[in-house]
Structure formats: C-alpha cells, structure tokens
Protein backbone atom coordinates (compact mmCIF):
# COMPACT_ATOMS: atom_id res chain seq x y z
CA MET A 1 102.69 -104.73 4.59
CA ILE A 2 103.42 -108.48 5.68
CA ASP A 3 105.79 -108.68 8.72
CA ALA A 4 107.56 -111.90 8.24
CA ARG A 5 110.45 -111.05 10.77
CA GLY A 6 111.52 -113.92 12.86
CA GLN A 7 109.71 -116.47 10.68
CA SER A 8 112.08 -118.97 8.83
CA CYS A 9 111.20 -120.40 5.60
CA PRO A 10 109.18 -121.27 4.06
CA ILE A 11 106.69 -119.56 6.31
CA PRO A 12 107.27 -115.96 4.71
CA VAL A 13 106.94 -117.32 1.33
CA VAL A 14 103.64 -119.25 2.36
CA MET A 15 102.53 -115.66 3.95
CA VAL A 16 102.97 -113.73 0.59
CA GLN A 17 101.41 -116.73 -1.31
CA LYS A 18 98.15 -116.54 0.58
CA GLU A 19 97.99 -112.80 0.31
CA VAL A 20 98.51 -112.70 -3.39
CA LYS A 21 95.97 -115.69 -3.82
CA ARG A 22 93.39 -113.65 -1.66
CA ASN A 23 93.93 -110.07 -2.53
CA HIS A 24 95.93 -109.90 -6.08
CA PRO A 25 97.50 -106.78 -5.14
CA GLN A 26 99.18 -104.65 -7.74
CA GLU A 27 101.88 -104.08 -4.87
CA LEU A 28 102.93 -105.41 -1.93
CA GLN A 29 105.68 -105.06 0.77
CA VAL A 30 106.97 -107.68 2.98
CA GLN A 31 109.66 -107.34 5.95
CA VAL A 32 111.99 -110.07 6.26
CA ASP A 33 115.25 -110.58 8.35
CA SER A 34 116.80 -113.43 6.46
CA MET A 35 118.70 -113.35 2.80
CA VAL A 36 117.38 -116.67 2.45
CA CYS A 37 113.80 -115.34 2.51
CA VAL A 38 114.99 -112.53 0.35
CA GLU A 39 115.73 -115.17 -2.37
CA ASN A 40 112.95 -117.38 -1.86
CA ILE A 41 110.55 -114.69 -2.24
CA SER A 42 112.25 -113.31 -5.09
CA ARG A 43 111.86 -116.88 -6.74
CA PHE A 44 108.23 -116.89 -5.89
CA ALA A 45 107.36 -113.18 -7.08
CA ALA A 46 108.99 -114.02 -10.69
CA ASN A 47 106.86 -117.39 -11.12
CA ALA A 48 103.96 -114.88 -9.93
CA GLY A 49 104.28 -112.36 -12.42
CA TYR A 50 105.88 -109.90 -10.05
CA GLN A 51 108.89 -107.52 -10.24
CA MET A 52 110.79 -107.12 -6.98
CA THR A 53 113.20 -104.90 -5.35
CA TRP A 54 114.57 -104.73 -2.00
CA GLU A 55 116.33 -102.70 0.61
CA GLU A 56 118.31 -103.72 3.40
CA SER A 57 118.59 -101.70 6.65
CA GLY A 58 120.52 -103.09 10.00
CA GLY A 59 120.04 -107.01 9.02
CA GLU A 60 116.27 -106.40 7.95
CA TYR A 61 114.82 -106.71 4.39
CA ILE A 62 111.82 -104.73 2.74
CA LEU A 63 110.86 -106.15 -0.53
CA THR A 64 108.51 -104.60 -2.61
CA LEU A 65 106.39 -106.75 -5.13
CA LYS A 66 104.82 -104.87 -8.16
CA LYS A 67 102.70 -106.32 -10.84
C-alpha cells in the first residue's frame, strides 16, 4: 500500500506512477486524504489500464487499482 496522506498533488500521482513503472502490480492500494488526489489518480489509472475503486472514511480515501 502506498501511503500518500499529507501529500499534495501531483506527489501522490507520481508515487503511483513510480510503483506501476517499477513493479507492474496487478493490484495496488493507495491511501490519500484529498478528493483532488482521488480524481487525479483515477485519471492516471484509467490511462494506465487499471480499474479503480475507492472508499472514504473520516476524510481519508483508500483507492484500489486493479488490472
């Protein structure tokens, strides 16, 4: 899981990009605390061929990217 809480965009997107490039995961979870990050990572995921779902709890979001 990538913990990108407290980071402002584009840092969380860059963290996800690096992990995808490095390890080509079939599934990846990312934790963020901003809806802007959810939207930006969602765009990246779609462009990289991932399906993304997310859950919100107490102002934090857990994103799941799956191939």
